[in-house]
Structures are given as structure tokens and as C-alpha cells.
All heavy atoms as atom14 arrays in JSON, in Angstrom:
{
  "sequence": "MKFGYTIVYVPSVESSLRFFCQAFGLEQKFLHESGDYGELNTGETT",
  "atom14_mask": [
    [1, 1, 1, 1, 1, 1, 1, 1, 0, 0, 0, 0, 0, 0],
    [1, 1, 1, 1, 1, 1, 1, 1, 1, 0, 0, 0, 0, 0],
    [1, 1, 1, 1, 1, 1, 1, 1, 1, 1, 1, 0, 0, 0],
    [1, 1, 1, 1, 0, 0, 0, 0, 0, 0, 0, 0, 0, 0],
    [1, 1, 1, 1, 1, 1, 1, 1, 1, 1, 1, 1, 0, 0],
    [1, 1, 1, 1, 1, 1, 1, 0, 0, 0, 0, 0, 0, 0],
    [1, 1, 1, 1, 1, 1, 1, 1, 0, 0, 0, 0, 0, 0],
    [1, 1, 1, 1, 1, 1, 1, 0, 0, 0, 0, 0, 0, 0],
    [1, 1, 1, 1, 1, 1, 1, 1, 1, 1, 1, 1, 0, 0],
    [1, 1, 1, 1, 1, 1, 1, 0, 0, 0, 0, 0, 0, 0],
    [1, 1, 1, 1, 1, 1, 1, 0, 0, 0, 0, 0, 0, 0],
    [1, 1, 1, 1, 1, 1, 0, 0, 0, 0, 0, 0, 0, 0],
    [1, 1, 1, 1, 1, 1, 1, 0, 0, 0, 0, 0, 0, 0],
    [1, 1, 1, 1, 1, 1, 1, 1, 1, 0, 0, 0, 0, 0],
    [1, 1, 1, 1, 1, 1, 0, 0, 0, 0, 0, 0, 0, 0],
    [1, 1, 1, 1, 1, 1, 0, 0, 0, 0, 0, 0, 0, 0],
    [1, 1, 1, 1, 1, 1, 1, 1, 0, 0, 0, 0, 0, 0],
    [1, 1, 1, 1, 1, 1, 1, 1, 1, 1, 1, 0, 0, 0],
    [1, 1, 1, 1, 1, 1, 1, 1, 1, 1, 1, 0, 0, 0],
    [1, 1, 1, 1, 1, 1, 1, 1, 1, 1, 1, 0, 0, 0],
    [1, 1, 1, 1, 1, 1, 0, 0, 0, 0, 0, 0, 0, 0],
    [1, 1, 1, 1, 1, 1, 1, 1, 1, 0, 0, 0, 0, 0],
    [1, 1, 1, 1, 1, 0, 0, 0, 0, 0, 0, 0, 0, 0],
    [1, 1, 1, 1, 1, 1, 1, 1, 1, 1, 1, 0, 0, 0],
    [1, 1, 1, 1, 0, 0, 0, 0, 0, 0, 0, 0, 0, 0],
    [1, 1, 1, 1, 1, 1, 1, 1, 0, 0, 0, 0, 0, 0],
    [1, 1, 1, 1, 1, 1, 1, 1, 1, 0, 0, 0, 0, 0],
    [1, 1, 1, 1, 1, 1, 1, 1, 1, 0, 0, 0, 0, 0],
    [1, 1, 1, 1, 1, 1, 1, 1, 1, 0, 0, 0, 0, 0],
    [1, 1, 1, 1, 1, 1, 1, 1, 1, 1, 1, 0, 0, 0],
    [1, 1, 1, 1, 1, 1, 1, 1, 0, 0, 0, 0, 0, 0],
    [1, 1, 1, 1, 1, 1, 1, 1, 1, 1, 0, 0, 0, 0],
    [1, 1, 1, 1, 1, 1, 1, 1, 1, 0, 0, 0, 0, 0],
    [1, 1, 1, 1, 1, 1, 0, 0, 0, 0, 0, 0, 0, 0],
    [1, 1, 1, 1, 0, 0, 0, 0, 0, 0, 0, 0, 0, 0],
    [1, 1, 1, 1, 1, 1, 1, 1, 0, 0, 0, 0, 0, 0],
    [1, 1, 1, 1, 1, 1, 1, 1, 1, 1, 1, 1, 0, 0],
    [1, 1, 1, 1, 0, 0, 0, 0, 0, 0, 0, 0, 0, 0],
    [1, 1, 1, 1, 1, 1, 1, 1, 1, 0, 0, 0, 0, 0],
    [1, 1, 1, 1, 1, 1, 1, 1, 0, 0, 0, 0, 0, 0],
    [1, 1, 1, 1, 1, 1, 1, 1, 0, 0, 0, 0, 0, 0],
    [1, 1, 1, 1, 1, 1, 1, 0, 0, 0, 0, 0, 0, 0],
    [1, 1, 1, 1, 0, 0, 0, 0, 0, 0, 0, 0, 0, 0],
    [1, 1, 1, 1, 1, 1, 1, 1, 1, 0, 0, 0, 0, 0],
    [1, 1, 1, 1, 1, 1, 1, 0, 0, 0, 0, 0, 0, 0],
    [1, 1, 1, 1, 1, 1, 1, 0, 0, 0, 0, 0, 0, 0]
  ],
  "atom14_positions": [
    [[0.84, -1.17, 0.0], [0.0, 0.0, 0.0], [0.89, 1.24, 0.0], [1.98, 1.23, 0.57], [-0.89, 0.01, 1.25], [-1.86, 1.15, 1.23], [-3.15, 1.12, 2.48], [-3.78, -0.53, 2.41], [0.0, 0.0, 0.0], [0.0, 0.0, 0.0], [0.0, 0.0, 0.0], [0.0, 0.0, 0.0], [0.0, 0.0, 0.0], [0.0, 0.0, 0.0]],
    [[0.41, 2.31, -0.65], [1.13, 3.58, -0.61], [0.12, 4.72, -0.57], [-1.03, 4.56, -0.98], [2.07, 3.73, -1.79], [1.4, 3.98, -3.12], [2.42, 4.24, -4.2], [1.72, 4.77, -5.44], [2.68, 5.24, -6.42], [0.0, 0.0, 0.0], [0.0, 0.0, 0.0], [0.0, 0.0, 0.0], [0.0, 0.0, 0.0], [0.0, 0.0, 0.0]],
    [[0.56, 5.86, -0.06], [-0.28, 7.04, 0.04], [-0.38, 7.66, -1.34], [0.62, 8.01, -1.95], [0.35, 8.0, 1.05], [-0.45, 9.24, 1.31], [-1.81, 9.17, 1.58], [0.15, 10.47, 1.31], [-2.54, 10.31, 1.84], [-0.57, 11.62, 1.56], [-1.92, 11.54, 1.83], [0.0, 0.0, 0.0], [0.0, 0.0, 0.0], [0.0, 0.0, 0.0]],
    [[-1.6, 7.81, -1.85], [-1.78, 8.27, -3.22], [-2.35, 9.66, -3.37], [-1.94, 10.4, -4.26], [0.0, 0.0, 0.0], [0.0, 0.0, 0.0], [0.0, 0.0, 0.0], [0.0, 0.0, 0.0], [0.0, 0.0, 0.0], [0.0, 0.0, 0.0], [0.0, 0.0, 0.0], [0.0, 0.0, 0.0], [0.0, 0.0, 0.0], [0.0, 0.0, 0.0]],
    [[-3.31, 10.04, -2.52], [-4.03, 11.3, -2.71], [-4.32, 11.97, -1.38], [-4.59, 11.3, -0.39], [-5.41, 11.06, -3.35], [-5.41, 10.51, -4.73], [-5.33, 9.14, -4.95], [-5.52, 11.34, -5.84], [-5.35, 8.62, -6.23], [-5.54, 10.83, -7.12], [-5.45, 9.46, -7.31], [-5.49, 8.96, -8.58], [0.0, 0.0, 0.0], [0.0, 0.0, 0.0]],
    [[-4.36, 13.28, -1.41], [-5.06, 14.08, -0.42], [-6.11, 14.84, -1.22], [-5.78, 15.5, -2.21], [-4.12, 15.08, 0.29], [-3.19, 14.33, 1.07], [-4.9, 16.02, 1.19], [0.0, 0.0, 0.0], [0.0, 0.0, 0.0], [0.0, 0.0, 0.0], [0.0, 0.0, 0.0], [0.0, 0.0, 0.0], [0.0, 0.0, 0.0], [0.0, 0.0, 0.0]],
    [[-7.36, 14.71, -0.81], [-8.45, 15.39, -1.5], [-9.08, 16.38, -0.52], [-9.49, 15.99, 0.57], [-9.5, 14.4, -2.02], [-8.85, 13.39, -2.97], [-10.65, 15.15, -2.7], [-9.76, 12.24, -3.38], [0.0, 0.0, 0.0], [0.0, 0.0, 0.0], [0.0, 0.0, 0.0], [0.0, 0.0, 0.0], [0.0, 0.0, 0.0], [0.0, 0.0, 0.0]],
    [[-9.12, 17.64, -0.9], [-9.7, 18.69, -0.08], [-11.03, 19.09, -0.71], [-11.08, 19.4, -1.9], [-8.75, 19.91, -0.02], [-9.34, 20.99, 0.87], [-7.36, 19.5, 0.46], [0.0, 0.0, 0.0], [0.0, 0.0, 0.0], [0.0, 0.0, 0.0], [0.0, 0.0, 0.0], [0.0, 0.0, 0.0], [0.0, 0.0, 0.0], [0.0, 0.0, 0.0]],
    [[-12.08, 19.09, 0.09], [-13.4, 19.5, -0.39], [-13.53, 21.02, -0.24], [-13.29, 21.57, 0.83], [-14.5, 18.75, 0.37], [-14.46, 17.28, 0.02], [-13.68, 16.4, 0.75], [-15.16, 16.8, -1.07], [-13.6, 15.06, 0.4], [-15.09, 15.46, -1.43], [-14.31, 14.59, -0.69], [-14.23, 13.27, -1.05], [0.0, 0.0, 0.0], [0.0, 0.0, 0.0]],
    [[-13.88, 21.67, -1.35], [-13.83, 23.14, -1.44], [-15.07, 23.68, -2.14], [-15.76, 22.96, -2.86], [-12.56, 23.59, -2.21], [-11.29, 23.18, -1.46], [-12.54, 23.01, -3.62], [0.0, 0.0, 0.0], [0.0, 0.0, 0.0], [0.0, 0.0, 0.0], [0.0, 0.0, 0.0], [0.0, 0.0, 0.0], [0.0, 0.0, 0.0], [0.0, 0.0, 0.0]],
    [[-15.34, 24.99, -1.96], [-16.48, 25.6, -2.65], [-16.32, 25.63, -4.17], [-17.28, 25.43, -4.9], [-16.54, 27.01, -2.1], [-15.77, 26.99, -0.84], [-14.74, 25.92, -1.0], [0.0, 0.0, 0.0], [0.0, 0.0, 0.0], [0.0, 0.0, 0.0], [0.0, 0.0, 0.0], [0.0, 0.0, 0.0], [0.0, 0.0, 0.0], [0.0, 0.0, 0.0]],
    [[-15.1, 25.88, -4.65], [-14.85, 25.97, -6.09], [-13.53, 25.31, -6.43], [-12.45, 25.83, -6.08], [-14.81, 27.44, -6.55], [-14.3, 27.53, -7.87], [0.0, 0.0, 0.0], [0.0, 0.0, 0.0], [0.0, 0.0, 0.0], [0.0, 0.0, 0.0], [0.0, 0.0, 0.0], [0.0, 0.0, 0.0], [0.0, 0.0, 0.0], [0.0, 0.0, 0.0]],
    [[-13.6, 24.17, -7.07], [-12.39, 23.43, -7.45], [-11.5, 24.3, -8.34], [-10.29, 24.39, -8.12], [-12.76, 22.1, -8.16], [-11.53, 21.42, -8.73], [-13.5, 21.19, -7.19], [0.0, 0.0, 0.0], [0.0, 0.0, 0.0], [0.0, 0.0, 0.0], [0.0, 0.0, 0.0], [0.0, 0.0, 0.0], [0.0, 0.0, 0.0], [0.0, 0.0, 0.0]],
    [[-12.09, 24.95, -9.31], [-11.32, 25.78, -10.24], [-10.59, 26.91, -9.5], [-9.42, 27.17, -9.77], [-12.22, 26.35, -11.32], [-11.46, 27.03, -12.44], [-12.36, 27.46, -13.58], [-13.54, 27.05, -13.65], [-11.87, 28.24, -14.41], [0.0, 0.0, 0.0], [0.0, 0.0, 0.0], [0.0, 0.0, 0.0], [0.0, 0.0, 0.0], [0.0, 0.0, 0.0]],
    [[-11.25, 27.55, -8.56], [-10.61, 28.63, -7.8], [-9.48, 28.11, -6.93], [-8.43, 28.75, -6.82], [-11.64, 29.33, -6.91], [-12.58, 30.01, -7.69], [0.0, 0.0, 0.0], [0.0, 0.0, 0.0], [0.0, 0.0, 0.0], [0.0, 0.0, 0.0], [0.0, 0.0, 0.0], [0.0, 0.0, 0.0], [0.0, 0.0, 0.0], [0.0, 0.0, 0.0]],
    [[-9.66, 26.95, -6.33], [-8.59, 26.37, -5.5], [-7.39, 26.0, -6.35], [-6.24, 26.27, -5.97], [-9.11, 25.16, -4.73], [-10.08, 25.57, -3.79], [0.0, 0.0, 0.0], [0.0, 0.0, 0.0], [0.0, 0.0, 0.0], [0.0, 0.0, 0.0], [0.0, 0.0, 0.0], [0.0, 0.0, 0.0], [0.0, 0.0, 0.0], [0.0, 0.0, 0.0]],
    [[-7.63, 25.38, -7.49], [-6.53, 25.05, -8.39], [-5.79, 26.32, -8.81], [-4.55, 26.36, -8.8], [-7.04, 24.32, -9.63], [-7.57, 22.9, -9.43], [-8.26, 22.41, -10.7], [-6.46, 21.95, -9.01], [0.0, 0.0, 0.0], [0.0, 0.0, 0.0], [0.0, 0.0, 0.0], [0.0, 0.0, 0.0], [0.0, 0.0, 0.0], [0.0, 0.0, 0.0]],
    [[-6.53, 27.35, -9.17], [-5.93, 28.61, -9.6], [-5.06, 29.22, -8.49], [-3.94, 29.65, -8.74], [-7.01, 29.59, -10.06], [-6.45, 30.88, -10.65], [-7.51, 31.8, -11.28], [-8.79, 31.84, -10.6], [-9.9, 31.21, -11.02], [-9.89, 30.5, -12.13], [-11.02, 31.32, -10.34], [0.0, 0.0, 0.0], [0.0, 0.0, 0.0], [0.0, 0.0, 0.0]],
    [[-5.56, 29.23, -7.25], [-4.78, 29.77, -6.14], [-3.46, 29.03, -5.99], [-2.4, 29.65, -5.92], [-5.55, 29.71, -4.81], [-4.68, 30.0, -3.63], [-4.3, 31.3, -3.32], [-4.2, 28.97, -2.83], [-3.45, 31.57, -2.26], [-3.36, 29.22, -1.76], [-2.99, 30.53, -1.47], [0.0, 0.0, 0.0], [0.0, 0.0, 0.0], [0.0, 0.0, 0.0]],
    [[-3.49, 27.71, -5.92], [-2.27, 26.94, -5.7], [-1.3, 27.07, -6.88], [-0.09, 27.07, -6.68], [-2.59, 25.48, -5.39], [-2.99, 25.26, -3.96], [-4.29, 25.46, -3.55], [-2.06, 24.87, -3.01], [-4.67, 25.28, -2.22], [-2.41, 24.69, -1.68], [-3.72, 24.9, -1.28], [0.0, 0.0, 0.0], [0.0, 0.0, 0.0], [0.0, 0.0, 0.0]],
    [[-1.82, 27.22, -8.07], [-0.94, 27.42, -9.25], [-0.32, 28.82, -9.21], [0.89, 28.96, -9.4], [-1.73, 27.23, -10.54], [-2.21, 25.52, -10.87], [0.0, 0.0, 0.0], [0.0, 0.0, 0.0], [0.0, 0.0, 0.0], [0.0, 0.0, 0.0], [0.0, 0.0, 0.0], [0.0, 0.0, 0.0], [0.0, 0.0, 0.0], [0.0, 0.0, 0.0]],
    [[-1.13, 29.83, -8.96], [-0.62, 31.2, -8.98], [0.27, 31.5, -7.78], [1.31, 32.13, -7.92], [-1.78, 32.19, -9.04], [-2.51, 32.17, -10.35], [-3.73, 33.08, -10.37], [-4.2, 33.56, -9.34], [-4.25, 33.31, -11.56], [0.0, 0.0, 0.0], [0.0, 0.0, 0.0], [0.0, 0.0, 0.0], [0.0, 0.0, 0.0], [0.0, 0.0, 0.0]],
    [[-0.13, 31.08, -6.6], [0.62, 31.4, -5.39], [1.91, 30.62, -5.28], [2.92, 31.16, -4.8], [-0.25, 31.15, -4.15], [0.0, 0.0, 0.0], [0.0, 0.0, 0.0], [0.0, 0.0, 0.0], [0.0, 0.0, 0.0], [0.0, 0.0, 0.0], [0.0, 0.0, 0.0], [0.0, 0.0, 0.0], [0.0, 0.0, 0.0], [0.0, 0.0, 0.0]],
    [[1.92, 29.37, -5.71], [3.08, 28.51, -5.47], [3.74, 27.96, -6.72], [4.69, 27.2, -6.64], [2.67, 27.35, -4.55], [2.02, 27.8, -3.28], [0.74, 27.38, -2.95], [2.67, 28.66, -2.41], [0.13, 27.8, -1.77], [2.07, 29.09, -1.23], [0.8, 28.66, -0.92], [0.0, 0.0, 0.0], [0.0, 0.0, 0.0], [0.0, 0.0, 0.0]],
    [[3.22, 28.31, -7.89], [3.84, 27.85, -9.13], [3.59, 26.38, -9.43], [4.29, 25.81, -10.27], [0.0, 0.0, 0.0], [0.0, 0.0, 0.0], [0.0, 0.0, 0.0], [0.0, 0.0, 0.0], [0.0, 0.0, 0.0], [0.0, 0.0, 0.0], [0.0, 0.0, 0.0], [0.0, 0.0, 0.0], [0.0, 0.0, 0.0], [0.0, 0.0, 0.0]],
    [[2.61, 25.76, -8.78], [2.28, 24.38, -9.08], [1.53, 24.34, -10.41], [0.98, 25.34, -10.86], [1.41, 23.78, -7.97], [2.08, 23.7, -6.6], [1.07, 23.27, -5.54], [3.26, 22.75, -6.63], [0.0, 0.0, 0.0], [0.0, 0.0, 0.0], [0.0, 0.0, 0.0], [0.0, 0.0, 0.0], [0.0, 0.0, 0.0], [0.0, 0.0, 0.0]],
    [[1.51, 23.18, -11.03], [0.83, 23.03, -12.31], [-0.43, 22.19, -12.15], [-0.44, 21.19, -11.44], [1.75, 22.35, -13.32], [2.95, 23.19, -13.7], [3.84, 22.49, -14.71], [3.45, 21.44, -15.27], [4.94, 22.99, -14.94], [0.0, 0.0, 0.0], [0.0, 0.0, 0.0], [0.0, 0.0, 0.0], [0.0, 0.0, 0.0], [0.0, 0.0, 0.0]],
    [[-1.48, 22.61, -12.84], [-2.72, 21.84, -12.86], [-2.49, 20.58, -13.68], [-1.97, 20.62, -14.79], [-3.83, 22.68, -13.49], [-5.16, 21.97, -13.51], [-6.27, 22.87, -14.03], [-6.48, 23.96, -13.52], [-6.96, 22.4, -15.05], [0.0, 0.0, 0.0], [0.0, 0.0, 0.0], [0.0, 0.0, 0.0], [0.0, 0.0, 0.0], [0.0, 0.0, 0.0]],
    [[-2.87, 19.46, -13.1], [-2.71, 18.16, -13.77], [-4.0, 17.75, -14.47], [-3.98, 17.2, -15.56], [-2.33, 17.12, -12.71], [-2.14, 15.72, -13.17], [-1.72, 14.86, -11.98], [-1.6, 13.41, -12.31], [-1.2, 12.64, -11.12], [0.0, 0.0, 0.0], [0.0, 0.0, 0.0], [0.0, 0.0, 0.0], [0.0, 0.0, 0.0], [0.0, 0.0, 0.0]],
    [[-5.14, 18.06, -13.82], [-6.42, 17.57, -14.34], [-7.55, 18.39, -13.75], [-7.5, 18.77, -12.57], [-6.58, 16.09, -13.94], [-7.93, 15.5, -14.25], [-8.25, 15.13, -15.54], [-8.88, 15.32, -13.26], [-9.5, 14.59, -15.84], [-10.12, 14.77, -13.54], [-10.42, 14.4, -14.84], [0.0, 0.0, 0.0], [0.0, 0.0, 0.0], [0.0, 0.0, 0.0]],
    [[-8.56, 18.68, -14.56], [-9.81, 19.27, -14.09], [-10.93, 18.57, -14.85], [-10.99, 18.65, -16.08], [-9.87, 20.78, -14.31], [-11.18, 21.47, -13.94], [-11.51, 21.28, -12.46], [-11.13, 22.95, -14.3], [0.0, 0.0, 0.0], [0.0, 0.0, 0.0], [0.0, 0.0, 0.0], [0.0, 0.0, 0.0], [0.0, 0.0, 0.0], [0.0, 0.0, 0.0]],
    [[-11.79, 17.87, -14.13], [-12.9, 17.18, -14.76], [-13.84, 18.2, -15.4], [-14.02, 19.3, -14.87], [-13.67, 16.32, -13.74], [-14.7, 15.45, -14.37], [-16.01, 15.84, -14.53], [-14.6, 14.21, -14.92], [-16.69, 14.88, -15.12], [-15.86, 13.87, -15.38], [0.0, 0.0, 0.0], [0.0, 0.0, 0.0], [0.0, 0.0, 0.0], [0.0, 0.0, 0.0]],
    [[-14.44, 17.83, -16.51], [-15.32, 18.74, -17.25], [-16.49, 19.24, -16.39], [-17.03, 20.33, -16.63], [-15.83, 18.09, -18.53], [-16.67, 16.86, -18.3], [-17.01, 16.09, -19.56], [-16.23, 16.14, -20.54], [-18.07, 15.44, -19.57], [0.0, 0.0, 0.0], [0.0, 0.0, 0.0], [0.0, 0.0, 0.0], [0.0, 0.0, 0.0], [0.0, 0.0, 0.0]],
    [[-16.88, 18.5, -15.38], [-17.96, 18.92, -14.48], [-17.52, 20.06, -13.56], [-18.36, 20.75, -12.99], [-18.43, 17.74, -13.62], [-17.4, 17.38, -12.69], [0.0, 0.0, 0.0], [0.0, 0.0, 0.0], [0.0, 0.0, 0.0], [0.0, 0.0, 0.0], [0.0, 0.0, 0.0], [0.0, 0.0, 0.0], [0.0, 0.0, 0.0], [0.0, 0.0, 0.0]],
    [[-16.2, 20.2, -13.39], [-15.67, 21.19, -12.45], [-15.7, 20.72, -11.01], [-15.31, 21.45, -10.1], [0.0, 0.0, 0.0], [0.0, 0.0, 0.0], [0.0, 0.0, 0.0], [0.0, 0.0, 0.0], [0.0, 0.0, 0.0], [0.0, 0.0, 0.0], [0.0, 0.0, 0.0], [0.0, 0.0, 0.0], [0.0, 0.0, 0.0], [0.0, 0.0, 0.0]],
    [[-16.13, 19.48, -10.77], [-16.26, 18.96, -9.41], [-15.01, 18.29, -8.87], [-14.96, 17.94, -7.69], [-17.41, 17.96, -9.33], [-18.77, 18.62, -9.29], [-18.87, 19.76, -8.79], [-19.74, 18.0, -9.76], [0.0, 0.0, 0.0], [0.0, 0.0, 0.0], [0.0, 0.0, 0.0], [0.0, 0.0, 0.0], [0.0, 0.0, 0.0], [0.0, 0.0, 0.0]],
    [[-13.99, 18.1, -9.7], [-12.78, 17.42, -9.26], [-11.6, 17.89, -10.09], [-11.7, 18.02, -11.31], [-12.93, 15.89, -9.39], [-11.71, 15.14, -8.94], [-11.48, 14.9, -7.59], [-10.76, 14.71, -9.87], [-10.33, 14.23, -7.18], [-9.62, 14.04, -9.47], [-9.41, 13.8, -8.12], [-8.27, 13.15, -7.71], [0.0, 0.0, 0.0], [0.0, 0.0, 0.0]],
    [[-10.47, 18.13, -9.41], [-9.26, 18.52, -10.11], [-8.03, 18.14, -9.31], [-8.09, 17.93, -8.1], [0.0, 0.0, 0.0], [0.0, 0.0, 0.0], [0.0, 0.0, 0.0], [0.0, 0.0, 0.0], [0.0, 0.0, 0.0], [0.0, 0.0, 0.0], [0.0, 0.0, 0.0], [0.0, 0.0, 0.0], [0.0, 0.0, 0.0], [0.0, 0.0, 0.0]],
    [[-6.89, 18.06, -10.01], [-5.64, 17.65, -9.4], [-4.51, 18.6, -9.78], [-4.54, 19.2, -10.85], [-5.25, 16.24, -9.86], [-6.23, 15.17, -9.5], [-5.87, 13.78, -10.03], [-4.92, 13.66, -10.85], [-6.54, 12.83, -9.63], [0.0, 0.0, 0.0], [0.0, 0.0, 0.0], [0.0, 0.0, 0.0], [0.0, 0.0, 0.0], [0.0, 0.0, 0.0]],
    [[-3.5, 18.65, -8.91], [-2.27, 19.4, -9.17], [-1.1, 18.44, -9.3], [-1.1, 17.37, -8.68], [-1.98, 20.36, -8.0], [-2.96, 21.49, -7.8], [-2.68, 22.19, -6.47], [-2.88, 22.49, -8.95], [0.0, 0.0, 0.0], [0.0, 0.0, 0.0], [0.0, 0.0, 0.0], [0.0, 0.0, 0.0], [0.0, 0.0, 0.0], [0.0, 0.0, 0.0]],
    [[-0.09, 18.81, -10.08], [1.16, 18.08, -10.12], [1.94, 18.48, -8.88], [2.36, 19.62, -8.74], [1.97, 18.44, -11.37], [1.47, 17.75, -12.59], [1.06, 16.6, -12.54], [1.5, 18.44, -13.72], [0.0, 0.0, 0.0], [0.0, 0.0, 0.0], [0.0, 0.0, 0.0], [0.0, 0.0, 0.0], [0.0, 0.0, 0.0], [0.0, 0.0, 0.0]],
    [[2.1, 17.54, -7.95], [2.79, 17.83, -6.69], [3.82, 16.78, -6.34], [4.24, 16.69, -5.19], [1.77, 17.95, -5.54], [0.98, 16.75, -5.5], [0.87, 19.15, -5.7], [0.0, 0.0, 0.0], [0.0, 0.0, 0.0], [0.0, 0.0, 0.0], [0.0, 0.0, 0.0], [0.0, 0.0, 0.0], [0.0, 0.0, 0.0], [0.0, 0.0, 0.0]],
    [[4.21, 15.96, -7.27], [5.14, 14.89, -6.97], [4.42, 13.56, -6.94], [3.4, 13.38, -7.59], [0.0, 0.0, 0.0], [0.0, 0.0, 0.0], [0.0, 0.0, 0.0], [0.0, 0.0, 0.0], [0.0, 0.0, 0.0], [0.0, 0.0, 0.0], [0.0, 0.0, 0.0], [0.0, 0.0, 0.0], [0.0, 0.0, 0.0], [0.0, 0.0, 0.0]],
    [[4.95, 12.65, -6.15], [4.41, 11.29, -6.13], [3.0, 11.22, -5.55], [2.16, 10.44, -6.0], [5.33, 10.37, -5.33], [4.93, 8.91, -5.43], [5.92, 7.98, -4.78], [7.13, 8.28, -4.78], [5.47, 6.94, -4.26], [0.0, 0.0, 0.0], [0.0, 0.0, 0.0], [0.0, 0.0, 0.0], [0.0, 0.0, 0.0], [0.0, 0.0, 0.0]],
    [[2.69, 12.03, -4.55], [1.37, 12.05, -3.95], [0.56, 13.19, -4.55], [1.04, 14.31, -4.66], [1.46, 12.23, -2.42], [2.26, 11.17, -1.89], [0.1, 12.21, -1.78], [0.0, 0.0, 0.0], [0.0, 0.0, 0.0], [0.0, 0.0, 0.0], [0.0, 0.0, 0.0], [0.0, 0.0, 0.0], [0.0, 0.0, 0.0], [0.0, 0.0, 0.0]],
    [[-0.65, 12.9, -4.97], [-1.49, 13.88, -5.66], [-2.26, 14.73, -4.66], [-2.87, 14.21, -3.74], [-2.48, 13.16, -6.58], [-1.74, 12.42, -7.56], [-3.4, 14.14, -7.28], [0.0, 0.0, 0.0], [0.0, 0.0, 0.0], [0.0, 0.0, 0.0], [0.0, 0.0, 0.0], [0.0, 0.0, 0.0], [0.0, 0.0, 0.0], [0.0, 0.0, 0.0]]
  ]
}
């Protein structure tokens, strides 16, 4: 077994992704077309 994800429940997935990308230079990995789920490139753990 390995640690794979931390998922944070938020009011706006797109806004949270944008903050972490703009504030810390992280890259968006994925945003579902529904806007209900998204991921950042953060190394081995998502």
C-alpha cells in the first residue's frame, strides 16, 4: 500500500486550483469537465 491522494473539499475546485498554481507555481494536472474534481502536479502524492 502507498499514500496516493489528499483530497480537499472546497467551494470551487477551479478557484482552488488557480490559487495553488498562482501562489506557489504548481501546475494543474487535471480538471474534470464537471468542475467537481481537479488535481495538481505535486510529486508522487497527488
